[in-house]
Amino acid sequence: MATEKAQSVLEEIKSTEQTYLAGLKHLLSNKEKMLAAYNKSKPSQLEGKISQVELKLFFDAIQDLINDSERLLAQINNSTKNYESITKIIESSAKHFSDAAIFYHLILQKKLPENVAASFKGESKNKSALTTFGYHAIMPAQRVPRYEMLFKELQKRQAEDIEKKRIQTTINAAINVAKQVSFTDEQLVSVQNHVSLVQEAEQVKKYKKDSVESIISQEIYQQLVKQEKDNSGAKLNKQEAILKTYIKESDRYDITITRAISPKDQLKAEQLKRDFTNQYIKFIEKTDPKNADSLRKEIQKIVQNKSHPPIVFHHDKTKVSSSQRPDEARTPSSSPPPPKEKRKL
């Protein structure tokens, strides 16, 4: 049975958890608006800033922490406190706290794009959107040491030794979680590798979902922006931008197809690459008909000069290039041996 003083500490744990949960929910309520702001941003606004994928993964961690907090509150509200269940909830939330802390660190390091930060809606009109976002985003990192402090205080107020021992396991769990929130360089690298994998997956989805035209249009725009920076006021060359975009996007598409398609389906992969080129040429014919013929010829030259990975024929493991027929692939060393001379009787 909890003493009166212990009960007051439990009330403090409950009230601060409710405030923390409300803060997380407000943060998450801005997710769709902030992620959508990336799609309206110019490439120059996003350069070097926290990416859309990184911010999405941060919000994923916040959603997990909301679920953890709701489970924790349910246990605290229970008249018969089950400290074993409370301990398990805190232990299982370790990765979520760690992810939230790492992505918050990346947000501080890289900064949010201005228009993305401005889309955050805070509760106070007197504070900037960026300040309010930071106030909410740091909540998980602040909550972990608060668990340790509050449960230590609760342990002091308990009269029974058995209750003190049960609460000690909860304190130990909070200490372990706090260690993970103070992330290591290895954890940071691991998360950044995960971000790269997610970005690759998003790119594959983008090729499947978006039209080739919309992707190309965005890339040509970026090439023109780059020209504007490099040439400092010189006349922009749209044809050069179109060709550079083709080289960049076809290389990226080749990599995407190579990863998405089984090595056994090389013919399918090559067909998809040709389809991409044909769609690109159709796009040029529609958007720049005046220069379509000359651009088509330039693209055909690029395709001819492009090196393709060797195809392996499984029956003899002979490597041939995509421009070489299997019967031309044999080298002198691989030619069949001369027939054996018959023995004279």
C-alpha atoms as a PDB file:
ATOM      1  CA  MET A   1       0.000   0.000   0.000  1.00  0.00           C
ATOM      2  CA  ALA A   2       1.431   3.376  -1.014  1.00  0.00           C
ATOM      3  CA  THR A   3       1.899   6.024   1.658  1.00  0.00           C
ATOM      4  CA  GLU A   4       0.378   9.486   1.258  1.00  0.00           C
ATOM      5  CA  LYS A   5       3.756  10.896   0.205  1.00  0.00           C
ATOM      6  CA  ALA A   6       4.278   8.034  -2.262  1.00  0.00           C
ATOM      7  CA  GLN A   7       0.819   8.708  -3.692  1.00  0.00           C
ATOM      8  CA  SER A   8       1.729  12.353  -4.315  1.00  0.00           C
ATOM      9  CA  VAL A   9       4.815  11.221  -6.274  1.00  0.00           C
ATOM     10  CA  LEU A  10       2.652   8.837  -8.320  1.00  0.00           C
ATOM     11  CA  GLU A  11       0.338  11.769  -9.116  1.00  0.00           C
ATOM     12  CA  GLU A  12       3.360  13.780 -10.261  1.00  0.00           C
ATOM     13  CA  ILE A  13       4.510  10.901 -12.498  1.00  0.00           C
ATOM     14  CA  LYS A  14       0.989  10.710 -13.937  1.00  0.00           C
ATOM     15  CA  SER A  15       0.533  14.463 -14.529  1.00  0.00           C
ATOM     16  CA  THR A  16       3.986  14.944 -16.099  1.00  0.00           C
ATOM     17  CA  GLU A  17       3.442  11.894 -18.333  1.00  0.00           C
ATOM     18  CA  GLN A  18       0.121  13.368 -19.514  1.00  0.00           C
ATOM     19  CA  THR A  19       1.851  16.679 -20.340  1.00  0.00           C
ATOM     20  CA  TYR A  20       4.642  14.825 -22.155  1.00  0.00           C
ATOM     21  CA  LEU A  21       2.116  12.747 -24.134  1.00  0.00           C
ATOM     22  CA  ALA A  22       0.118  15.847 -25.125  1.00  0.00           C
ATOM     23  CA  GLY A  23       3.355  17.454 -26.381  1.00  0.00           C
ATOM     24  CA  LEU A  24       4.210  14.412 -28.498  1.00  0.00           C
ATOM     25  CA  LYS A  25       0.717  14.322 -29.980  1.00  0.00           C
ATOM     26  CA  HIS A  26       0.903  18.006 -30.882  1.00  0.00           C
ATOM     27  CA  LEU A  27       4.277  17.389 -32.529  1.00  0.00           C
ATOM     28  CA  LEU A  28       2.862  14.468 -34.544  1.00  0.00           C
ATOM     29  CA  SER A  29      -0.198  16.508 -35.601  1.00  0.00           C
ATOM     30  CA  ASN A  30       2.176  18.632 -37.720  1.00  0.00           C
ATOM     31  CA  LYS A  31       3.720  15.638 -39.527  1.00  0.00           C
ATOM     32  CA  GLU A  32       1.726  15.682 -42.785  1.00  0.00           C
ATOM     33  CA  LYS A  33       1.942  19.457 -43.165  1.00  0.00           C
ATOM     34  CA  MET A  34       5.727  19.531 -42.601  1.00  0.00           C
ATOM     35  CA  LEU A  35       6.432  16.611 -44.942  1.00  0.00           C
ATOM     36  CA  ALA A  36       4.189  18.137 -47.615  1.00  0.00           C
ATOM     37  CA  ALA A  37       6.198  21.387 -47.412  1.00  0.00           C
ATOM     38  CA  TYR A  38       9.182  19.513 -48.908  1.00  0.00           C
ATOM     39  CA  ASN A  39       7.233  18.898 -52.120  1.00  0.00           C
ATOM     40  CA  LYS A  40       6.670  22.642 -52.513  1.00  0.00           C
ATOM     41  CA  SER A  41      10.312  23.525 -51.848  1.00  0.00           C
ATOM     42  CA  LYS A  42      12.861  24.629 -54.427  1.00  0.00           C
ATOM     43  CA  PRO A  43      16.013  22.462 -54.649  1.00  0.00           C
ATOM     44  CA  SER A  44      18.123  25.364 -53.372  1.00  0.00           C
ATOM     45  CA  GLN A  45      16.005  25.482 -50.176  1.00  0.00           C
ATOM     46  CA  LEU A  46      16.671  21.792 -49.422  1.00  0.00           C
ATOM     47  CA  GLU A  47      20.405  21.682 -50.117  1.00  0.00           C
ATOM     48  CA  GLY A  48      22.338  20.517 -47.039  1.00  0.00           C
ATOM     49  CA  LYS A  49      19.206  20.477 -44.842  1.00  0.00           C
ATOM     50  CA  ILE A  50      17.520  17.618 -43.018  1.00  0.00           C
ATOM     51  CA  SER A  51      15.867  15.431 -45.664  1.00  0.00           C
ATOM     52  CA  GLN A  52      12.209  14.494 -45.949  1.00  0.00           C
ATOM     53  CA  VAL A  53      13.086  10.847 -45.214  1.00  0.00           C
ATOM     54  CA  GLU A  54      15.020  11.783 -42.045  1.00  0.00           C
ATOM     55  CA  LEU A  55      12.141  13.922 -40.744  1.00  0.00           C
ATOM     56  CA  LYS A  56       9.669  11.128 -41.530  1.00  0.00           C
ATOM     57  CA  LEU A  57      11.766   8.620 -39.535  1.00  0.00           C
ATOM     58  CA  PHE A  58      11.870  11.111 -36.641  1.00  0.00           C
ATOM     59  CA  PHE A  59       8.056  11.281 -36.695  1.00  0.00           C
ATOM     60  CA  ASP A  60       7.895   7.449 -36.830  1.00  0.00           C
ATOM     61  CA  ALA A  61       9.896   7.346 -33.574  1.00  0.00           C
ATOM     62  CA  ILE A  62       7.517   9.930 -32.051  1.00  0.00           C
ATOM     63  CA  GLN A  63       4.519   7.741 -32.977  1.00  0.00           C
ATOM     64  CA  ASP A  64       6.181   4.758 -31.245  1.00  0.00           C
ATOM     65  CA  LEU A  65       6.830   6.881 -28.127  1.00  0.00           C
ATOM     66  CA  ILE A  66       3.171   7.980 -28.070  1.00  0.00           C
ATOM     67  CA  ASN A  67       2.139   4.303 -28.020  1.00  0.00           C
ATOM     68  CA  ASP A  68       4.659   3.607 -25.213  1.00  0.00           C
ATOM     69  CA  SER A  69       3.420   6.572 -23.167  1.00  0.00           C
ATOM     70  CA  GLU A  70      -0.242   5.536 -23.480  1.00  0.00           C
ATOM     71  CA  ARG A  71       0.630   2.027 -22.269  1.00  0.00           C
ATOM     72  CA  LEU A  72       2.620   3.476 -19.370  1.00  0.00           C
ATOM     73  CA  LEU A  73      -0.239   5.753 -18.309  1.00  0.00           C
ATOM     74  CA  ALA A  74      -2.637   2.799 -18.360  1.00  0.00           C
ATOM     75  CA  GLN A  75      -0.387   0.986 -15.858  1.00  0.00           C
ATOM     76  CA  ILE A  76       0.057   4.073 -13.650  1.00  0.00           C
ATOM     77  CA  ASN A  77      -3.735   4.603 -13.580  1.00  0.00           C
ATOM     78  CA  ASN A  78      -4.213   1.001 -12.488  1.00  0.00           C
ATOM     79  CA  SER A  79      -5.115   0.830  -8.784  1.00  0.00           C
ATOM     80  CA  THR A  80      -2.779  -2.141  -8.310  1.00  0.00           C
ATOM     81  CA  LYS A  81       0.555  -0.905  -9.622  1.00  0.00           C
ATOM     82  CA  ASN A  82       2.401  -3.576 -11.597  1.00  0.00           C
ATOM     83  CA  TYR A  83       6.008  -2.347 -11.583  1.00  0.00           C
ATOM     84  CA  GLU A  84       7.123  -5.348 -13.629  1.00  0.00           C
ATOM     85  CA  SER A  85       4.847  -4.208 -16.487  1.00  0.00           C
ATOM     86  CA  ILE A  86       6.001  -0.580 -16.093  1.00  0.00           C
ATOM     87  CA  THR A  87       9.621  -1.763 -16.279  1.00  0.00           C
ATOM     88  CA  LYS A  88       8.955  -3.779 -19.460  1.00  0.00           C
ATOM     89  CA  ILE A  89       7.305  -0.768 -21.118  1.00  0.00           C
ATOM     90  CA  ILE A  90      10.288   1.452 -20.313  1.00  0.00           C
ATOM     91  CA  GLU A  91      12.733  -1.236 -21.515  1.00  0.00           C
ATOM     92  CA  SER A  92      10.854  -1.760 -24.791  1.00  0.00           C
ATOM     93  CA  SER A  93      10.838   1.999 -25.453  1.00  0.00           C
ATOM     94  CA  ALA A  94      14.671   2.204 -25.443  1.00  0.00           C
ATOM     95  CA  LYS A  95      15.063   2.042 -29.250  1.00  0.00           C
ATOM     96  CA  HIS A  96      12.271   4.579 -29.787  1.00  0.00           C
ATOM     97  CA  PHE A  97      13.932   7.051 -27.393  1.00  0.00           C
ATOM     98  CA  SER A  98      17.301   6.415 -29.038  1.00  0.00           C
ATOM     99  CA  ASP A  99      15.929   6.986 -32.577  1.00  0.00           C
ATOM    100  CA  ALA A 100      14.124  10.176 -31.527  1.00  0.00           C
ATOM    101  CA  ALA A 101      17.319  11.493 -29.892  1.00  0.00           C
ATOM    102  CA  ILE A 102      19.512  10.692 -32.913  1.00  0.00           C
ATOM    103  CA  PHE A 103      17.134  12.313 -35.412  1.00  0.00           C
ATOM    104  CA  TYR A 104      16.745  15.335 -33.139  1.00  0.00           C
ATOM    105  CA  HIS A 105      20.563  15.580 -33.134  1.00  0.00           C
ATOM    106  CA  LEU A 106      20.571  15.427 -36.971  1.00  0.00           C
ATOM    107  CA  ILE A 107      17.866  18.121 -37.123  1.00  0.00           C
ATOM    108  CA  LEU A 108      19.992  20.394 -34.927  1.00  0.00           C
ATOM    109  CA  GLN A 109      23.063  19.612 -37.028  1.00  0.00           C
ATOM    110  CA  LYS A 110      21.575  20.017 -40.528  1.00  0.00           C
ATOM    111  CA  LYS A 111      18.640  22.339 -39.701  1.00  0.00           C
ATOM    112  CA  LEU A 112      15.126  22.187 -41.105  1.00  0.00           C
ATOM    113  CA  PRO A 113      14.448  23.919 -44.436  1.00  0.00           C
ATOM    114  CA  GLU A 114      12.944  27.332 -43.622  1.00  0.00           C
ATOM    115  CA  ASN A 115       9.576  26.715 -45.264  1.00  0.00           C
ATOM    116  CA  VAL A 116       9.283  23.296 -43.560  1.00  0.00           C
ATOM    117  CA  ALA A 117      10.010  24.829 -40.136  1.00  0.00           C
ATOM    118  CA  ALA A 118       7.553  27.659 -40.847  1.00  0.00           C
ATOM    119  CA  SER A 119       4.772  25.120 -41.502  1.00  0.00           C
ATOM    120  CA  PHE A 120       4.910  23.916 -37.861  1.00  0.00           C
ATOM    121  CA  LYS A 121       1.932  25.196 -35.926  1.00  0.00           C
ATOM    122  CA  GLY A 122       2.731  25.959 -32.281  1.00  0.00           C
ATOM    123  CA  GLU A 123       0.385  26.660 -29.377  1.00  0.00           C
ATOM    124  CA  SER A 124       1.868  30.110 -28.723  1.00  0.00           C
ATOM    125  CA  LYS A 125       1.730  33.009 -31.180  1.00  0.00           C
ATOM    126  CA  ASN A 126       4.551  34.767 -29.318  1.00  0.00           C
ATOM    127  CA  LYS A 127       7.159  32.123 -30.221  1.00  0.00           C
ATOM    128  CA  SER A 128       8.523  31.307 -33.657  1.00  0.00           C
ATOM    129  CA  ALA A 129       7.540  28.034 -35.338  1.00  0.00           C
ATOM    130  CA  LEU A 130      11.152  26.800 -35.196  1.00  0.00           C
ATOM    131  CA  THR A 131      11.445  27.535 -31.456  1.00  0.00           C
ATOM    132  CA  THR A 132       8.153  25.755 -30.763  1.00  0.00           C
ATOM    133  CA  PHE A 133       9.168  22.746 -32.867  1.00  0.00           C
ATOM    134  CA  GLY A 134      12.475  22.513 -30.960  1.00  0.00           C
ATOM    135  CA  TYR A 135      10.642  22.703 -27.616  1.00  0.00           C
ATOM    136  CA  HIS A 136       8.497  19.691 -28.545  1.00  0.00           C
ATOM    137  CA  ALA A 137      11.196  17.732 -30.395  1.00  0.00           C
ATOM    138  CA  ILE A 138      13.533  17.670 -27.376  1.00  0.00           C
ATOM    139  CA  MET A 139      10.826  16.272 -25.053  1.00  0.00           C
ATOM    140  CA  PRO A 140      11.815  12.565 -25.431  1.00  0.00           C
ATOM    141  CA  ALA A 141      15.463  13.265 -24.530  1.00  0.00           C
ATOM    142  CA  GLN A 142      14.317  15.199 -21.439  1.00  0.00           C
ATOM    143  CA  ARG A 143      11.764  12.613 -20.371  1.00  0.00           C
ATOM    144  CA  VAL A 144      14.180   9.700 -19.878  1.00  0.00           C
ATOM    145  CA  PRO A 145      16.232  11.201 -16.978  1.00  0.00           C
ATOM    146  CA  ARG A 146      12.944  12.417 -15.487  1.00  0.00           C
ATOM    147  CA  TYR A 147      11.786   8.789 -15.181  1.00  0.00           C
ATOM    148  CA  GLU A 148      14.887   7.927 -13.174  1.00  0.00           C
ATOM    149  CA  MET A 149      14.466  10.942 -10.887  1.00  0.00           C
ATOM    150  CA  LEU A 150      10.730  10.411 -10.291  1.00  0.00           C
ATOM    151  CA  PHE A 151      10.953   6.669  -9.612  1.00  0.00           C
ATOM    152  CA  LYS A 152      13.877   7.201  -7.229  1.00  0.00           C
ATOM    153  CA  GLU A 153      11.716   9.700  -5.349  1.00  0.00           C
ATOM    154  CA  LEU A 154       8.843   7.195  -5.326  1.00  0.00           C
ATOM    155  CA  GLN A 155      11.165   4.516  -3.937  1.00  0.00           C
ATOM    156  CA  LYS A 156      12.173   6.793  -1.033  1.00  0.00           C
ATOM    157  CA  ARG A 157       8.520   7.384  -0.133  1.00  0.00           C
ATOM    158  CA  GLN A 158       7.622   3.679   0.001  1.00  0.00           C
ATOM    159  CA  ALA A 159       7.260   2.085   3.424  1.00  0.00           C
ATOM    160  CA  GLU A 160       7.567  -1.576   2.376  1.00  0.00           C
ATOM    161  CA  ASP A 161      10.923  -3.057   1.342  1.00  0.00           C
ATOM    162  CA  ILE A 162       9.335  -5.374  -1.221  1.00  0.00           C
ATOM    163  CA  GLU A 163       7.871  -2.354  -3.054  1.00  0.00           C
ATOM    164  CA  LYS A 164      11.253  -0.630  -2.968  1.00  0.00           C
ATOM    165  CA  LYS A 165      12.867  -3.664  -4.629  1.00  0.00           C
ATOM    166  CA  ARG A 166      10.219  -3.723  -7.375  1.00  0.00           C
ATOM    167  CA  ILE A 167      10.683  -0.008  -8.059  1.00  0.00           C
ATOM    168  CA  GLN A 168      14.476  -0.515  -8.216  1.00  0.00           C
ATOM    169  CA  THR A 169      14.059  -2.668 -11.355  1.00  0.00           C
ATOM    170  CA  THR A 170      12.123   0.217 -12.949  1.00  0.00           C
ATOM    171  CA  ILE A 171      14.901   2.650 -11.967  1.00  0.00           C
ATOM    172  CA  ASN A 172      17.524   0.324 -13.501  1.00  0.00           C
ATOM    173  CA  ALA A 173      15.511   0.180 -16.735  1.00  0.00           C
ATOM    174  CA  ALA A 174      15.330   3.997 -16.868  1.00  0.00           C
ATOM    175  CA  ILE A 175      19.122   4.233 -16.333  1.00  0.00           C
ATOM    176  CA  ASN A 176      19.761   1.772 -19.209  1.00  0.00           C
ATOM    177  CA  VAL A 177      17.447   3.709 -21.535  1.00  0.00           C
ATOM    178  CA  ALA A 178      19.256   6.955 -20.603  1.00  0.00           C
ATOM    179  CA  LYS A 179      22.550   5.364 -21.689  1.00  0.00           C
ATOM    180  CA  GLN A 180      21.078   4.543 -25.109  1.00  0.00           C
ATOM    181  CA  VAL A 181      19.744   8.073 -25.549  1.00  0.00           C
ATOM    182  CA  SER A 182      23.337   9.273 -25.118  1.00  0.00           C
ATOM    183  CA  PHE A 183      24.027   7.573 -28.445  1.00  0.00           C
ATOM    184  CA  THR A 184      27.435   6.487 -29.720  1.00  0.00           C
ATOM    185  CA  ASP A 185      29.076   7.261 -33.073  1.00  0.00           C
ATOM    186  CA  GLU A 186      28.362   3.656 -34.116  1.00  0.00           C
ATOM    187  CA  GLN A 187      24.621   4.137 -33.473  1.00  0.00           C
ATOM    188  CA  LEU A 188      24.674   7.381 -35.454  1.00  0.00           C
ATOM    189  CA  VAL A 189      26.381   5.659 -38.423  1.00  0.00           C
ATOM    190  CA  SER A 190      23.882   2.793 -38.200  1.00  0.00           C
ATOM    191  CA  VAL A 191      20.944   5.212 -38.352  1.00  0.00           C
ATOM    192  CA  GLN A 192      22.499   7.124 -41.262  1.00  0.00           C
ATOM    193  CA  ASN A 193      22.956   3.827 -43.147  1.00  0.00           C
ATOM    194  CA  HIS A 194      19.313   3.041 -42.449  1.00  0.00           C
ATOM    195  CA  VAL A 195      18.337   6.472 -43.818  1.00  0.00           C
ATOM    196  CA  SER A 196      20.275   5.713 -47.025  1.00  0.00           C
ATOM    197  CA  LEU A 197      18.430   2.407 -47.454  1.00  0.00           C
ATOM    198  CA  VAL A 198      15.058   4.088 -46.874  1.00  0.00           C
ATOM    199  CA  GLN A 199      15.953   6.825 -49.381  1.00  0.00           C
ATOM    200  CA  GLU A 200      16.807   4.153 -51.981  1.00  0.00           C
ATOM    201  CA  ALA A 201      13.485   2.421 -51.313  1.00  0.00           C
ATOM    202  CA  GLU A 202      11.668   5.756 -51.651  1.00  0.00           C
ATOM    203  CA  GLN A 203      13.452   6.341 -54.958  1.00  0.00           C
ATOM    204  CA  VAL A 204      12.236   2.952 -56.276  1.00  0.00           C
ATOM    205  CA  LYS A 205       8.678   3.859 -55.180  1.00  0.00           C
ATOM    206  CA  LYS A 206       9.035   7.242 -56.876  1.00  0.00           C
ATOM    207  CA  TYR A 207       9.941   5.644 -60.200  1.00  0.00           C
ATOM    208  CA  LYS A 208       6.931   3.365 -59.898  1.00  0.00           C
ATOM    209  CA  LYS A 209       4.512   6.058 -58.713  1.00  0.00           C
ATOM    210  CA  ASP A 210       5.544   9.225 -60.531  1.00  0.00           C
ATOM    211  CA  SER A 211       5.561   9.682 -64.259  1.00  0.00           C
ATOM    212  CA  VAL A 212       8.996   9.816 -65.862  1.00  0.00           C
ATOM    213  CA  GLU A 213       8.047  13.276 -67.101  1.00  0.00           C
ATOM    214  CA  SER A 214       7.595  14.740 -63.613  1.00  0.00           C
ATOM    215  CA  ILE A 215      10.959  13.346 -62.420  1.00  0.00           C
ATOM    216  CA  ILE A 216      12.752  14.619 -65.539  1.00  0.00           C
ATOM    217  CA  SER A 217      11.125  18.055 -65.254  1.00  0.00           C
ATOM    218  CA  GLN A 218      12.368  18.421 -61.668  1.00  0.00           C
ATOM    219  CA  GLU A 219      15.892  17.315 -62.620  1.00  0.00           C
ATOM    220  CA  ILE A 220      16.100  19.663 -65.623  1.00  0.00           C
ATOM    221  CA  TYR A 221      15.013  22.500 -63.356  1.00  0.00           C
ATOM    222  CA  GLN A 222      17.812  21.590 -60.900  1.00  0.00           C
ATOM    223  CA  GLN A 223      20.355  21.538 -63.760  1.00  0.00           C
ATOM    224  CA  LEU A 224      19.202  25.003 -64.849  1.00  0.00           C
ATOM    225  CA  VAL A 225      19.498  26.268 -61.256  1.00  0.00           C
ATOM    226  CA  LYS A 226      23.049  24.858 -61.121  1.00  0.00           C
ATOM    227  CA  GLN A 227      23.913  26.568 -64.431  1.00  0.00           C
ATOM    228  CA  GLU A 228      22.567  29.835 -63.083  1.00  0.00           C
ATOM    229  CA  LYS A 229      24.857  29.549 -60.033  1.00  0.00           C
ATOM    230  CA  ASP A 230      27.953  28.408 -61.952  1.00  0.00           C
ATOM    231  CA  ASN A 231      27.662  30.852 -64.861  1.00  0.00           C
ATOM    232  CA  SER A 232      26.561  33.797 -62.704  1.00  0.00           C
ATOM    233  CA  GLY A 233      24.129  35.372 -65.127  1.00  0.00           C
ATOM    234  CA  ALA A 234      25.245  33.714 -68.387  1.00  0.00           C
ATOM    235  CA  LYS A 235      22.545  32.556 -70.814  1.00  0.00           C
ATOM    236  CA  LEU A 236      20.991  29.275 -69.708  1.00  0.00           C
ATOM    237  CA  ASN A 237      21.387  26.322 -72.067  1.00  0.00           C
ATOM    238  CA  LYS A 238      18.257  24.174 -71.843  1.00  0.00           C
ATOM    239  CA  GLN A 239      19.568  21.571 -74.321  1.00  0.00           C
ATOM    240  CA  GLU A 240      22.674  21.047 -72.180  1.00  0.00           C
ATOM    241  CA  ALA A 241      20.464  20.699 -69.099  1.00  0.00           C
ATOM    242  CA  ILE A 242      18.283  18.107 -70.878  1.00  0.00           C
ATOM    243  CA  LEU A 243      21.311  15.986 -71.884  1.00  0.00           C
ATOM    244  CA  LYS A 244      22.984  16.203 -68.461  1.00  0.00           C
ATOM    245  CA  THR A 245      19.683  15.215 -66.871  1.00  0.00           C
ATOM    246  CA  TYR A 246      19.394  12.204 -69.193  1.00  0.00           C
ATOM    247  CA  ILE A 247      22.900  11.012 -68.216  1.00  0.00           C
ATOM    248  CA  LYS A 248      22.201  11.483 -64.503  1.00  0.00           C
ATOM    249  CA  GLU A 249      18.705   9.984 -64.504  1.00  0.00           C
ATOM    250  CA  SER A 250      19.515   7.045 -66.793  1.00  0.00           C
ATOM    251  CA  ASP A 251      22.470   6.120 -64.547  1.00  0.00           C
ATOM    252  CA  ARG A 252      20.251   6.366 -61.479  1.00  0.00           C
ATOM    253  CA  TYR A 253      17.508   4.385 -63.198  1.00  0.00           C
ATOM    254  CA  ASP A 254      20.040   1.687 -64.202  1.00  0.00           C
ATOM    255  CA  ILE A 255      21.116   1.323 -60.554  1.00  0.00           C
ATOM    256  CA  THR A 256      17.497   1.204 -59.366  1.00  0.00           C
ATOM    257  CA  ILE A 257      16.578  -1.463 -61.925  1.00  0.00           C
ATOM    258  CA  THR A 258      19.701  -3.518 -61.117  1.00  0.00           C
ATOM    259  CA  ARG A 259      18.730  -3.572 -57.430  1.00  0.00           C
ATOM    260  CA  ALA A 260      15.033  -4.179 -58.015  1.00  0.00           C
ATOM    261  CA  ILE A 261      15.299  -6.995 -60.579  1.00  0.00           C
ATOM    262  CA  SER A 262      16.770 -10.456 -60.157  1.00  0.00           C
ATOM    263  CA  PRO A 263      20.076 -11.149 -61.990  1.00  0.00           C
ATOM    264  CA  LYS A 264      18.199 -13.918 -63.841  1.00  0.00           C
ATOM    265  CA  ASP A 265      15.987 -11.292 -65.504  1.00  0.00           C
ATOM    266  CA  GLN A 266      18.746  -9.413 -67.358  1.00  0.00           C
ATOM    267  CA  LEU A 267      16.679  -9.201 -70.551  1.00  0.00           C
ATOM    268  CA  LYS A 268      13.808  -7.633 -68.652  1.00  0.00           C
ATOM    269  CA  ALA A 269      16.210  -5.145 -67.041  1.00  0.00           C
ATOM    270  CA  GLU A 270      17.654  -4.145 -70.431  1.00  0.00           C
ATOM    271  CA  GLN A 271      14.142  -3.710 -71.842  1.00  0.00           C
ATOM    272  CA  LEU A 272      13.171  -1.446 -68.929  1.00  0.00           C
ATOM    273  CA  LYS A 273      16.286   0.683 -69.537  1.00  0.00           C
ATOM    274  CA  ARG A 274      15.359   1.018 -73.225  1.00  0.00           C
ATOM    275  CA  ASP A 275      11.808   1.954 -72.229  1.00  0.00           C
ATOM    276  CA  PHE A 276      13.188   4.722 -70.036  1.00  0.00           C
ATOM    277  CA  THR A 277      15.196   6.141 -72.949  1.00  0.00           C
ATOM    278  CA  ASN A 278      12.159   5.980 -75.256  1.00  0.00           C
ATOM    279  CA  GLN A 279       9.991   7.779 -72.683  1.00  0.00           C
ATOM    280  CA  TYR A 280      12.682  10.411 -72.287  1.00  0.00           C
ATOM    281  CA  ILE A 281      12.776  11.019 -76.045  1.00  0.00           C
ATOM    282  CA  LYS A 282       8.973  11.312 -76.121  1.00  0.00           C
ATOM    283  CA  PHE A 283       9.218  13.876 -73.335  1.00  0.00           C
ATOM    284  CA  ILE A 284      11.733  15.904 -75.391  1.00  0.00           C
ATOM    285  CA  GLU A 285       9.522  15.745 -78.495  1.00  0.00           C
ATOM    286  CA  LYS A 286       6.661  17.169 -76.459  1.00  0.00           C
ATOM    287  CA  THR A 287       8.541  19.891 -74.553  1.00  0.00           C
ATOM    288  CA  ASP A 288      11.205  20.940 -77.089  1.00  0.00           C
ATOM    289  CA  PRO A 289      10.049  19.865 -80.597  1.00  0.00           C
ATOM    290  CA  LYS A 290      12.334  22.393 -82.295  1.00  0.00           C
ATOM    291  CA  ASN A 291      15.501  20.672 -81.009  1.00  0.00           C
ATOM    292  CA  ALA A 292      14.062  17.150 -80.704  1.00  0.00           C
ATOM    293  CA  ASP A 293      15.991  15.652 -83.657  1.00  0.00           C
ATOM    294  CA  SER A 294      19.411  16.912 -82.575  1.00  0.00           C
ATOM    295  CA  LEU A 295      18.769  15.922 -78.950  1.00  0.00           C
ATOM    296  CA  ARG A 296      17.610  12.446 -80.004  1.00  0.00           C
ATOM    297  CA  LYS A 297      20.878  11.923 -81.915  1.00  0.00           C
ATOM    298  CA  GLU A 298      22.921  13.063 -78.915  1.00  0.00           C
ATOM    299  CA  ILE A 299      21.036  10.649 -76.651  1.00  0.00           C
ATOM    300  CA  GLN A 300      21.628   7.794 -79.117  1.00  0.00           C
ATOM    301  CA  LYS A 301      25.368   8.560 -78.980  1.00  0.00           C
ATOM    302  CA  ILE A 302      25.261   8.476 -75.171  1.00  0.00           C
ATOM    303  CA  VAL A 303      23.472   5.087 -75.268  1.00  0.00           C
ATOM    304  CA  GLN A 304      26.032   3.668 -77.741  1.00  0.00           C
ATOM    305  CA  ASN A 305      29.010   4.865 -75.685  1.00  0.00           C
ATOM    306  CA  LYS A 306      27.533   3.722 -72.389  1.00  0.00           C
ATOM    307  CA  SER A 307      29.230   0.662 -70.886  1.00  0.00           C
ATOM    308  CA  HIS A 308      26.897  -2.141 -69.810  1.00  0.00           C
ATOM    309  CA  PRO A 309      27.676  -4.866 -67.257  1.00  0.00           C
ATOM    310  CA  PRO A 310      28.598  -8.237 -68.789  1.00  0.00           C
ATOM    311  CA  ILE A 311      25.871 -10.847 -69.127  1.00  0.00           C
ATOM    312  CA  VAL A 312      26.674 -14.278 -67.703  1.00  0.00           C
ATOM    313  CA  PHE A 313      25.272 -17.244 -69.609  1.00  0.00           C
ATOM    314  CA  HIS A 314      24.642 -19.892 -66.977  1.00  0.00           C
ATOM    315  CA  HIS A 315      25.322 -22.910 -69.199  1.00  0.00           C
ATOM    316  CA  ASP A 316      28.999 -22.044 -69.726  1.00  0.00           C
ATOM    317  CA  LYS A 317      29.573 -19.006 -67.432  1.00  0.00           C
ATOM    318  CA  THR A 318      31.079 -17.147 -70.398  1.00  0.00           C
ATOM    319  CA  LYS A 319      30.938 -13.360 -69.972  1.00  0.00           C
ATOM    320  CA  VAL A 320      29.905 -11.352 -72.988  1.00  0.00           C
ATOM    321  CA  SER A 321      28.983  -7.722 -73.368  1.00  0.00           C
ATOM    322  CA  SER A 322      25.416  -6.752 -74.259  1.00  0.00           C
ATOM    323  CA  SER A 323      26.615  -5.883 -77.804  1.00  0.00           C
ATOM    324  CA  GLN A 324      28.334  -9.254 -78.349  1.00  0.00           C
ATOM    325  CA  ARG A 325      26.684 -12.467 -79.534  1.00  0.00           C
ATOM    326  CA  PRO A 326      27.311 -15.633 -77.513  1.00  0.00           C
ATOM    327  CA  ASP A 327      29.049 -17.315 -80.478  1.00  0.00           C
ATOM    328  CA  GLU A 328      31.522 -14.386 -80.669  1.00  0.00           C
ATOM    329  CA  ALA A 329      32.464 -14.636 -77.017  1.00  0.00           C
ATOM    330  CA  ARG A 330      34.885 -17.545 -77.239  1.00  0.00           C
ATOM    331  CA  THR A 331      38.544 -16.727 -76.838  1.00  0.00           C
ATOM    332  CA  PRO A 332      41.409 -18.841 -78.242  1.00  0.00           C
ATOM    333  CA  SER A 333      41.930 -20.290 -74.776  1.00  0.00           C
ATOM    334  CA  SER A 334      38.286 -21.400 -74.630  1.00  0.00           C
ATOM    335  CA  SER A 335      38.150 -22.992 -78.115  1.00  0.00           C
ATOM    336  CA  PRO A 336      37.398 -26.728 -78.190  1.00  0.00           C
ATOM    337  CA  PRO A 337      40.462 -29.038 -77.995  1.00  0.00           C
ATOM    338  CA  PRO A 338      41.610 -30.780 -81.249  1.00  0.00           C
ATOM    339  CA  PRO A 339      40.318 -34.333 -81.773  1.00  0.00           C
ATOM    340  CA  LYS A 340      42.563 -37.083 -80.358  1.00  0.00           C
ATOM    341  CA  GLU A 341      44.603 -39.032 -82.866  1.00  0.00           C
ATOM    342  CA  LYS A 342      43.459 -42.638 -83.331  1.00  0.00           C
ATOM    343  CA  ARG A 343      45.920 -45.348 -82.324  1.00  0.00           C
ATOM    344  CA  LYS A 344      47.233 -47.590 -85.028  1.00  0.00           C
ATOM    345  CA  LEU A 345      46.472 -51.270 -84.511  1.00  0.00           C
END
